[in-house]
Amino acid sequence: MVTEIITLIVAIIVAIILWKVLKTIKSMVINTVLGLIILVVANLVLGLNIAYTWIVVLVCAIGGVVGALLIIALNYLGIAF
């Protein structure tokens, strides 16, 4: 009886942890995709000629929308990218 209760408690804890991790991953993926879409649209509309290097994609993946706006601002000011 005790082992069944302990197993149930462990299963609930694991389910809660998995739910929180998957929720975080989902929001991160959405933010990354939005950042990359903003970067592509800005490249096409504004003609910025930002090369899609691994650094640019990594900044957009980590920073999302804010990272894309940072890359656009740095390119527009002629500092980087």
Protein backbone atom coordinates (compact mmCIF):
# COMPACT_ATOMS: atom_id res chain seq x y z
CA MET A 1 0.00 0.00 0.00
CA VAL A 2 2.80 2.43 0.86
CA THR A 3 4.71 1.73 -2.35
CA GLU A 4 1.60 2.42 -4.42
CA ILE A 5 1.15 5.81 -2.76
CA ILE A 6 4.82 6.67 -3.24
CA THR A 7 4.62 5.62 -6.89
CA LEU A 8 1.53 7.77 -7.38
CA ILE A 9 3.23 10.79 -5.79
CA VAL A 10 6.35 10.32 -7.94
CA ALA A 11 4.19 10.00 -11.07
CA ILE A 12 2.37 13.24 -10.25
CA ILE A 13 5.65 15.07 -9.64
CA VAL A 14 7.09 13.79 -12.95
CA ALA A 15 3.92 14.83 -14.80
CA ILE A 16 4.09 18.35 -13.36
CA ILE A 17 7.77 18.72 -14.25
CA LEU A 18 7.18 17.49 -17.82
CA TRP A 19 4.25 19.86 -18.23
CA LYS A 20 6.34 22.86 -17.13
CA VAL A 21 9.26 21.89 -19.39
CA LEU A 22 7.06 21.37 -22.44
CA LYS A 23 5.24 24.64 -21.78
CA THR A 24 8.58 26.48 -21.69
CA ILE A 25 9.83 24.80 -24.86
CA LYS A 26 6.61 25.67 -26.68
CA SER A 27 6.88 29.37 -25.88
CA MET A 28 10.58 29.40 -26.79
CA VAL A 29 9.88 27.81 -30.18
CA ILE A 30 7.12 30.31 -30.90
CA ASN A 31 9.39 33.23 -29.94
CA THR A 32 12.20 31.85 -32.13
CA VAL A 33 9.95 31.42 -35.15
CA LEU A 34 8.53 34.93 -34.74
CA GLY A 35 12.05 36.36 -34.52
CA LEU A 36 13.14 34.60 -37.69
CA ILE A 37 9.98 35.71 -39.53
CA ILE A 38 10.59 39.33 -38.49
CA LEU A 39 14.18 39.07 -39.71
CA VAL A 40 13.16 37.63 -43.09
CA VAL A 41 10.40 40.20 -43.58
CA ALA A 42 12.73 43.05 -42.65
CA ASN A 43 15.33 41.71 -45.07
CA LEU A 44 12.79 41.55 -47.89
CA VAL A 45 10.92 44.80 -47.20
CA LEU A 46 13.77 47.05 -46.08
CA GLY A 47 16.46 45.47 -48.26
CA LEU A 48 18.95 45.17 -45.42
CA ASN A 49 20.93 42.29 -46.96
CA ILE A 50 21.51 40.57 -43.62
CA ALA A 51 23.24 37.26 -44.24
CA TYR A 52 21.68 34.26 -42.51
CA THR A 53 24.78 33.00 -40.74
CA TRP A 54 24.77 30.68 -37.77
CA ILE A 55 25.40 33.66 -35.46
CA VAL A 56 22.32 35.51 -36.76
CA VAL A 57 20.15 32.41 -36.43
CA LEU A 58 21.51 31.74 -32.94
CA VAL A 59 20.76 35.30 -31.80
CA CYS A 60 17.23 34.98 -33.17
CA ALA A 61 16.83 31.57 -31.56
CA ILE A 62 17.91 32.79 -28.15
CA GLY A 63 16.55 36.33 -28.29
CA GLY A 64 13.47 35.76 -30.43
CA VAL A 65 11.74 38.96 -31.42
CA VAL A 66 14.10 41.12 -29.36
CA GLY A 67 17.11 39.39 -30.94
CA ALA A 68 15.76 40.02 -34.44
CA LEU A 69 15.16 43.68 -33.65
CA LEU A 70 18.69 43.93 -32.24
CA ILE A 71 20.17 42.45 -35.41
CA ILE A 72 18.11 44.81 -37.56
CA ALA A 73 19.17 47.82 -35.47
CA LEU A 74 22.85 46.84 -35.59
CA ASN A 75 22.67 46.33 -39.36
CA TYR A 76 20.83 49.61 -39.89
CA LEU A 77 23.45 51.50 -37.84
CA GLY A 78 26.25 49.77 -39.75
CA ILE A 79 27.79 48.26 -36.63
CA ALA A 80 27.43 44.54 -37.42
CA PHE A 81 25.83 41.97 -39.69
